[in-house]
């Protein structure tokens, strides 16, 4: 009987972990889109400390995955990091508008 392993579903030369990390990271990014809409359109403000450190952390993860040649995870982390960078930029803009 043939056993189906997760690794047999991934193309040769790729790590299955790359896909798992990427899927979760992209989902986390998409989950944040409604919040991004509120910050953009309604002038909401996110905590700048949280937004900046999360941005930095996700970009560091992206660079780390790049050095491991985990290309899919690299793109996914950069995507999520960019969402958090937009939170930071738009929150700063909204703070300036309120003053």
C-alpha atoms as a PDB file:
ATOM      1  CA  UNK A   1       0.000   0.000   0.000  1.00  0.00           C
ATOM      2  CA  UNK A   2       1.305   3.456  -0.949  1.00  0.00           C
ATOM      3  CA  UNK A   3       1.568   5.953   1.884  1.00  0.00           C
ATOM      4  CA  UNK A   4       0.980   9.603   1.068  1.00  0.00           C
ATOM      5  CA  UNK A   5       3.490  11.847   2.740  1.00  0.00           C
ATOM      6  CA  UNK A   6       3.234  15.628   2.875  1.00  0.00           C
ATOM      7  CA  UNK A   7       6.685  15.836   1.352  1.00  0.00           C
ATOM      8  CA  UNK A   8       5.508  13.947  -1.733  1.00  0.00           C
ATOM      9  CA  UNK A   9       3.043  16.756  -2.490  1.00  0.00           C
ATOM     10  CA  UNK A  10       5.787  19.403  -2.732  1.00  0.00           C
ATOM     11  CA  UNK A  11       7.885  19.836  -5.903  1.00  0.00           C
ATOM     12  CA  UNK A  12      11.430  18.479  -5.814  1.00  0.00           C
ATOM     13  CA  UNK A  13      13.889  20.853  -4.162  1.00  0.00           C
ATOM     14  CA  UNK A  14      11.309  22.660  -2.020  1.00  0.00           C
ATOM     15  CA  UNK A  15      10.681  22.284   1.679  1.00  0.00           C
ATOM     16  CA  UNK A  16       7.078  21.649   2.670  1.00  0.00           C
ATOM     17  CA  UNK A  17       7.647  23.928   5.663  1.00  0.00           C
ATOM     18  CA  UNK A  18       8.116  26.812   3.212  1.00  0.00           C
ATOM     19  CA  UNK A  19       4.548  26.374   2.005  1.00  0.00           C
ATOM     20  CA  UNK A  20       3.057  25.955   5.484  1.00  0.00           C
ATOM     21  CA  UNK A  21       4.767  29.090   6.791  1.00  0.00           C
ATOM     22  CA  UNK A  22       3.748  31.023   3.679  1.00  0.00           C
ATOM     23  CA  UNK A  23       0.104  29.978   3.850  1.00  0.00           C
ATOM     24  CA  UNK A  24      -0.195  30.970   7.507  1.00  0.00           C
ATOM     25  CA  UNK A  25       1.634  34.276   6.942  1.00  0.00           C
ATOM     26  CA  UNK A  26      -0.522  35.225   3.971  1.00  0.00           C
ATOM     27  CA  UNK A  27      -3.681  34.336   5.895  1.00  0.00           C
ATOM     28  CA  UNK A  28      -2.548  36.533   8.777  1.00  0.00           C
ATOM     29  CA  UNK A  29      -1.968  39.344   6.284  1.00  0.00           C
ATOM     30  CA  UNK A  30      -5.400  38.969   4.698  1.00  0.00           C
ATOM     31  CA  UNK A  31      -7.075  38.790   8.098  1.00  0.00           C
ATOM     32  CA  UNK A  32      -5.706  42.282   8.763  1.00  0.00           C
ATOM     33  CA  UNK A  33      -7.193  43.864   5.625  1.00  0.00           C
ATOM     34  CA  UNK A  34     -10.477  44.954   7.312  1.00  0.00           C
ATOM     35  CA  UNK A  35      -8.440  46.661  10.039  1.00  0.00           C
ATOM     36  CA  UNK A  36      -6.288  48.310   7.374  1.00  0.00           C
ATOM     37  CA  UNK A  37      -9.453  49.643   5.735  1.00  0.00           C
ATOM     38  CA  UNK A  38     -10.520  51.194   9.063  1.00  0.00           C
ATOM     39  CA  UNK A  39      -7.131  52.839   9.539  1.00  0.00           C
ATOM     40  CA  UNK A  40      -7.148  54.118   5.957  1.00  0.00           C
ATOM     41  CA  UNK A  41     -10.759  55.259   5.553  1.00  0.00           C
ATOM     42  CA  UNK A  42     -11.997  55.937   9.095  1.00  0.00           C
ATOM     43  CA  UNK A  43      -8.846  57.454  10.565  1.00  0.00           C
ATOM     44  CA  UNK A  44      -8.325  54.764  13.193  1.00  0.00           C
ATOM     45  CA  UNK A  45      -4.958  54.690  14.950  1.00  0.00           C
ATOM     46  CA  UNK A  46      -3.000  51.586  15.855  1.00  0.00           C
ATOM     47  CA  UNK A  47      -0.378  51.557  18.563  1.00  0.00           C
ATOM     48  CA  UNK A  48       2.793  52.797  16.838  1.00  0.00           C
ATOM     49  CA  UNK A  49       5.045  50.692  19.044  1.00  0.00           C
ATOM     50  CA  UNK A  50       3.187  47.517  18.081  1.00  0.00           C
ATOM     51  CA  UNK A  51       2.999  48.410  14.389  1.00  0.00           C
ATOM     52  CA  UNK A  52       6.679  49.357  14.101  1.00  0.00           C
ATOM     53  CA  UNK A  53       8.078  46.369  15.983  1.00  0.00           C
ATOM     54  CA  UNK A  54       5.821  43.930  14.153  1.00  0.00           C
ATOM     55  CA  UNK A  55       6.943  45.431  10.831  1.00  0.00           C
ATOM     56  CA  UNK A  56      10.599  45.082  11.772  1.00  0.00           C
ATOM     57  CA  UNK A  57      10.099  41.529  13.048  1.00  0.00           C
ATOM     58  CA  UNK A  58       8.294  40.376   9.907  1.00  0.00           C
ATOM     59  CA  UNK A  59      10.929  41.902   7.643  1.00  0.00           C
ATOM     60  CA  UNK A  60      13.637  40.173   9.707  1.00  0.00           C
ATOM     61  CA  UNK A  61      11.771  36.885   9.239  1.00  0.00           C
ATOM     62  CA  UNK A  62      11.535  37.591   5.508  1.00  0.00           C
ATOM     63  CA  UNK A  63      15.294  38.149   5.304  1.00  0.00           C
ATOM     64  CA  UNK A  64      15.909  35.020   7.370  1.00  0.00           C
ATOM     65  CA  UNK A  65      13.715  32.913   5.079  1.00  0.00           C
ATOM     66  CA  UNK A  66      15.527  34.433   2.092  1.00  0.00           C
ATOM     67  CA  UNK A  67      18.871  33.247   3.474  1.00  0.00           C
ATOM     68  CA  UNK A  68      17.362  29.761   3.867  1.00  0.00           C
ATOM     69  CA  UNK A  69      16.150  29.890   0.240  1.00  0.00           C
ATOM     70  CA  UNK A  70      12.548  29.610   1.379  1.00  0.00           C
ATOM     71  CA  UNK A  71      11.273  31.822  -1.417  1.00  0.00           C
ATOM     72  CA  UNK A  72       7.541  31.430  -0.841  1.00  0.00           C
ATOM     73  CA  UNK A  73       7.857  32.250   2.858  1.00  0.00           C
ATOM     74  CA  UNK A  74      10.065  35.225   2.025  1.00  0.00           C
ATOM     75  CA  UNK A  75       7.358  36.755  -0.165  1.00  0.00           C
ATOM     76  CA  UNK A  76       4.637  35.954   2.398  1.00  0.00           C
ATOM     77  CA  UNK A  77       6.534  37.606   5.269  1.00  0.00           C
ATOM     78  CA  UNK A  78       7.298  40.671   3.171  1.00  0.00           C
ATOM     79  CA  UNK A  79       3.574  40.864   2.325  1.00  0.00           C
ATOM     80  CA  UNK A  80       2.544  40.704   5.993  1.00  0.00           C
ATOM     81  CA  UNK A  81       5.323  43.097   6.996  1.00  0.00           C
ATOM     82  CA  UNK A  82       4.115  45.576   4.407  1.00  0.00           C
ATOM     83  CA  UNK A  83       0.578  45.430   5.817  1.00  0.00           C
ATOM     84  CA  UNK A  84       1.998  46.324   9.227  1.00  0.00           C
ATOM     85  CA  UNK A  85       4.158  49.060   7.678  1.00  0.00           C
ATOM     86  CA  UNK A  86       1.003  50.553   6.169  1.00  0.00           C
ATOM     87  CA  UNK A  87      -0.620  50.426   9.617  1.00  0.00           C
ATOM     88  CA  UNK A  88       2.310  52.389  10.988  1.00  0.00           C
ATOM     89  CA  UNK A  89       2.395  54.977   8.183  1.00  0.00           C
ATOM     90  CA  UNK A  90      -1.364  55.514   8.133  1.00  0.00           C
ATOM     91  CA  UNK A  91      -1.561  55.724  11.929  1.00  0.00           C
ATOM     92  CA  UNK A  92       1.131  58.412  11.956  1.00  0.00           C
ATOM     93  CA  UNK A  93      -0.828  60.266   9.263  1.00  0.00           C
ATOM     94  CA  UNK A  94      -4.033  59.968  11.289  1.00  0.00           C
ATOM     95  CA  UNK A  95      -2.329  61.244  14.432  1.00  0.00           C
ATOM     96  CA  UNK A  96      -1.105  64.320  12.512  1.00  0.00           C
ATOM     97  CA  UNK A  97      -4.602  64.923  11.130  1.00  0.00           C
ATOM     98  CA  UNK A  98      -6.093  64.947  14.628  1.00  0.00           C
ATOM     99  CA  UNK A  99      -3.688  67.605  15.880  1.00  0.00           C
END
